[in-house]
Amino acid sequence: MKATFIATALTAAVLSMAPTSNASAANDSKVYAGSGCKVFGSTAWTDLQFGAAGIINLTVNPKNIICPIINDSELAYDGDAGVPLNAPSSHMHVAAGNVGSTTVCNIYTIDNGSGGTYVGVTETSTHNTGAMAAGTEVNFGISGWTGTADYLHTSVMMLCTLGPKATLRFYRITEQGATEN
């Protein structure tokens, strides 16, 4: 009898520590290191430096990079709706080099449920760091982009033209609606 009681109490204690299903989060933000981006198009790997400070354009010419964005939304992106329920946004941190520089980032959505149909540039942000001192950090954002009706098959990516000597330190993506994690 005493052993049964102890076993039951132990089982209840262990079960109370078991992970439970979390409620879907809203306004979920994920921060990505700039060094997680990779070269795109004709940009050579040797034109860029990848490190803890982000991804650095080592040249005096603009260089193209592609950056991952994880879509874990449980709703379609509806940034152009009158009252959006899931208008994702991004926020980038760019540090100036020792030359005048312009960094341009575009967010793209692709409807993979229709054989990879290109949906298009949903938002663009251009930031001119001018002749700011090297290392001066600025930030800019892209908000409220739109996807497709089938959120389960929509992928998202960010393409940036990193200005001369500029550094993409990090970027944050926030999904307004409920997300998986």
Protein backbone atom coordinates (compact mmCIF):
# COMPACT_ATOMS: atom_id res chain seq x y z
CA MET A 1 0.00 0.00 0.00
CA LYS A 2 2.76 2.42 0.97
CA ALA A 3 4.74 1.51 -2.20
CA THR A 4 1.65 2.15 -4.37
CA PHE A 5 1.11 5.56 -2.80
CA ILE A 6 4.76 6.52 -3.31
CA ALA A 7 4.67 5.31 -6.94
CA THR A 8 1.48 7.30 -7.62
CA ALA A 9 2.91 10.44 -6.01
CA LEU A 10 6.16 10.05 -7.97
CA THR A 11 4.26 9.58 -11.25
CA ALA A 12 2.16 12.70 -10.58
CA ALA A 13 5.29 14.72 -9.79
CA VAL A 14 7.06 13.59 -12.97
CA LEU A 15 3.99 14.30 -15.13
CA SER A 16 3.69 17.79 -13.70
CA MET A 17 7.19 18.53 -15.00
CA ALA A 18 6.48 17.19 -18.49
CA PRO A 19 6.42 19.77 -21.27
CA THR A 20 3.01 20.97 -22.24
CA SER A 21 1.77 22.37 -25.50
CA ASN A 22 2.37 26.10 -25.54
CA ALA A 23 -0.35 28.38 -26.72
CA SER A 24 0.46 29.96 -30.06
CA ALA A 25 2.54 33.07 -29.61
CA ALA A 26 1.56 36.37 -31.16
CA ASN A 27 4.06 39.08 -32.13
CA ASP A 28 6.78 36.47 -32.32
CA SER A 29 10.22 37.95 -33.03
CA LYS A 30 13.31 36.19 -34.25
CA VAL A 31 16.75 37.80 -34.43
CA TYR A 32 19.17 36.64 -37.12
CA ALA A 33 22.91 37.30 -37.25
CA GLY A 34 24.02 39.04 -40.43
CA SER A 35 26.72 36.39 -40.76
CA GLY A 36 23.93 33.87 -41.51
CA CYS A 37 23.43 35.47 -44.92
CA LYS A 38 25.33 34.21 -47.96
CA VAL A 39 26.57 35.53 -51.27
CA PHE A 40 24.06 36.01 -54.07
CA GLY A 41 24.42 36.44 -57.82
CA SER A 42 27.89 37.42 -58.99
CA THR A 43 29.16 38.32 -55.50
CA ALA A 44 32.26 36.29 -54.60
CA TRP A 45 32.71 34.78 -51.15
CA THR A 46 36.05 36.59 -50.89
CA ASP A 47 34.24 39.95 -51.22
CA LEU A 48 32.64 39.45 -47.82
CA GLN A 49 33.76 38.70 -44.29
CA PHE A 50 31.57 36.64 -41.98
CA GLY A 51 31.96 36.98 -38.22
CA ALA A 52 30.40 37.75 -34.88
CA ALA A 53 29.90 41.38 -35.94
CA GLY A 54 27.84 40.32 -38.97
CA ILE A 55 28.57 40.21 -42.69
CA ILE A 56 30.98 42.86 -43.95
CA ASN A 57 31.39 44.05 -47.51
CA LEU A 58 35.18 44.26 -47.87
CA THR A 59 35.06 46.09 -51.22
CA VAL A 60 34.23 49.59 -52.41
CA ASN A 61 31.47 48.19 -54.66
CA PRO A 62 27.94 47.12 -53.66
CA LYS A 63 27.61 43.35 -53.08
CA ASN A 64 24.50 41.16 -53.12
CA ILE A 65 23.56 38.85 -50.26
CA ILE A 66 20.59 36.61 -49.56
CA CYS A 67 19.34 36.19 -46.00
CA PRO A 68 17.09 33.52 -44.53
CA ILE A 69 13.72 34.25 -42.95
CA ILE A 70 11.82 31.49 -41.20
CA ASN A 71 8.08 31.69 -41.78
CA ASP A 72 6.38 29.96 -38.84
CA SER A 73 3.13 31.89 -39.07
CA GLU A 74 -0.20 30.15 -38.74
CA LEU A 75 -1.85 32.84 -40.88
CA ALA A 76 -1.28 34.29 -44.32
CA TYR A 77 0.65 37.56 -44.39
CA ASP A 78 -1.85 40.37 -44.89
CA GLY A 79 0.12 43.59 -44.59
CA ASP A 80 -2.02 45.35 -47.21
CA ALA A 81 -5.32 44.59 -45.45
CA GLY A 82 -7.32 47.45 -43.97
CA VAL A 83 -7.05 45.84 -40.53
CA PRO A 84 -4.20 43.33 -40.80
CA LEU A 85 -4.14 40.30 -38.53
CA ASN A 86 -0.65 39.21 -39.56
CA ALA A 87 1.49 42.03 -40.92
CA PRO A 88 5.08 40.87 -40.43
CA SER A 89 7.88 43.38 -40.19
CA SER A 90 11.66 43.46 -40.24
CA HIS A 91 14.26 45.65 -38.62
CA MET A 92 17.86 45.74 -39.89
CA HIS A 93 21.03 47.11 -38.28
CA VAL A 94 23.70 48.29 -40.72
CA ALA A 95 27.07 49.79 -39.82
CA ALA A 96 28.76 52.24 -42.16
CA GLY A 97 32.18 51.65 -43.62
CA ASN A 98 34.69 54.42 -44.18
CA VAL A 99 33.06 55.49 -47.48
CA GLY A 100 29.63 56.77 -48.50
CA SER A 101 27.34 53.80 -48.82
CA THR A 102 23.77 52.80 -49.64
CA THR A 103 22.26 49.49 -48.54
CA VAL A 104 19.02 48.28 -50.13
CA CYS A 105 17.01 45.32 -48.79
CA ASN A 106 14.01 43.65 -50.40
CA ILE A 107 11.66 41.13 -48.82
CA TYR A 108 10.26 38.55 -51.27
CA THR A 109 7.51 36.01 -50.82
CA ILE A 110 7.19 32.86 -52.93
CA ASP A 111 4.03 30.76 -53.16
CA ASN A 112 5.52 27.28 -53.19
CA GLY A 113 2.04 25.73 -53.25
CA SER A 114 1.69 26.84 -56.87
CA GLY A 115 4.91 25.32 -58.13
CA GLY A 116 7.13 28.11 -56.81
CA THR A 117 5.18 30.99 -58.28
CA TYR A 118 7.07 34.19 -57.69
CA VAL A 119 4.85 36.58 -55.79
CA GLY A 120 7.27 39.48 -55.98
CA VAL A 121 8.94 42.12 -53.95
CA THR A 122 6.58 42.80 -51.14
CA GLU A 123 8.56 45.61 -49.57
CA THR A 124 11.82 47.50 -50.19
CA SER A 125 13.90 49.61 -47.86
CA THR A 126 16.84 51.77 -48.88
CA HIS A 127 19.21 53.31 -46.41
CA ASN A 128 21.99 55.71 -47.29
CA THR A 129 24.69 55.90 -44.65
CA GLY A 130 26.31 58.82 -46.48
CA ALA A 131 29.74 59.76 -45.26
CA MET A 132 29.18 58.63 -41.69
CA ALA A 133 32.20 57.59 -39.67
CA ALA A 134 33.21 53.96 -39.99
CA GLY A 135 31.34 51.73 -37.55
CA THR A 136 28.42 54.14 -37.06
CA GLU A 137 25.35 51.94 -36.80
CA VAL A 138 21.97 52.83 -38.25
CA ASN A 139 18.77 50.85 -38.38
CA PHE A 140 15.82 50.75 -40.73
CA GLY A 141 12.82 48.55 -41.23
CA ILE A 142 10.39 47.00 -43.65
CA SER A 143 6.89 46.54 -42.32
CA GLY A 144 3.62 45.03 -43.29
CA TRP A 145 4.47 42.77 -46.20
CA THR A 146 1.89 40.51 -47.81
CA GLY A 147 2.06 36.83 -48.71
CA THR A 148 -0.38 34.39 -50.22
CA ALA A 149 -3.56 32.82 -48.93
CA ASP A 150 -1.84 29.46 -48.32
CA TYR A 151 0.53 30.22 -45.47
CA LEU A 152 1.66 26.59 -45.27
CA HIS A 153 3.43 26.88 -48.63
CA THR A 154 4.78 30.43 -48.53
CA SER A 155 8.50 30.98 -48.20
CA VAL A 156 10.14 34.31 -47.52
CA MET A 157 13.63 35.63 -48.20
CA MET A 158 15.49 38.89 -47.95
CA LEU A 159 17.86 40.05 -50.68
CA CYS A 160 20.15 42.95 -49.84
CA THR A 161 22.63 44.97 -51.80
CA LEU A 162 25.17 45.72 -49.12
CA GLY A 163 26.83 49.07 -49.73
CA PRO A 164 30.59 49.57 -50.00
CA LYS A 165 32.38 48.72 -46.74
CA ALA A 166 29.00 48.38 -44.97
CA THR A 167 28.17 45.68 -42.40
CA LEU A 168 24.80 43.99 -41.91
CA ARG A 169 25.10 43.33 -38.19
CA PHE A 170 21.74 41.64 -37.59
CA TYR A 171 18.07 41.76 -38.51
CA ARG A 172 14.86 40.95 -36.68
CA ILE A 173 11.64 39.54 -38.13
CA THR A 174 8.37 39.92 -36.23
CA GLU A 175 5.20 38.07 -37.17
CA GLN A 176 2.08 39.74 -35.82
CA GLY A 177 -0.26 36.72 -35.88
CA ALA A 178 -0.07 33.40 -34.09
CA THR A 179 3.08 31.37 -34.77
CA GLU A 180 4.28 27.83 -34.19
CA ASN A 181 7.00 28.88 -31.73
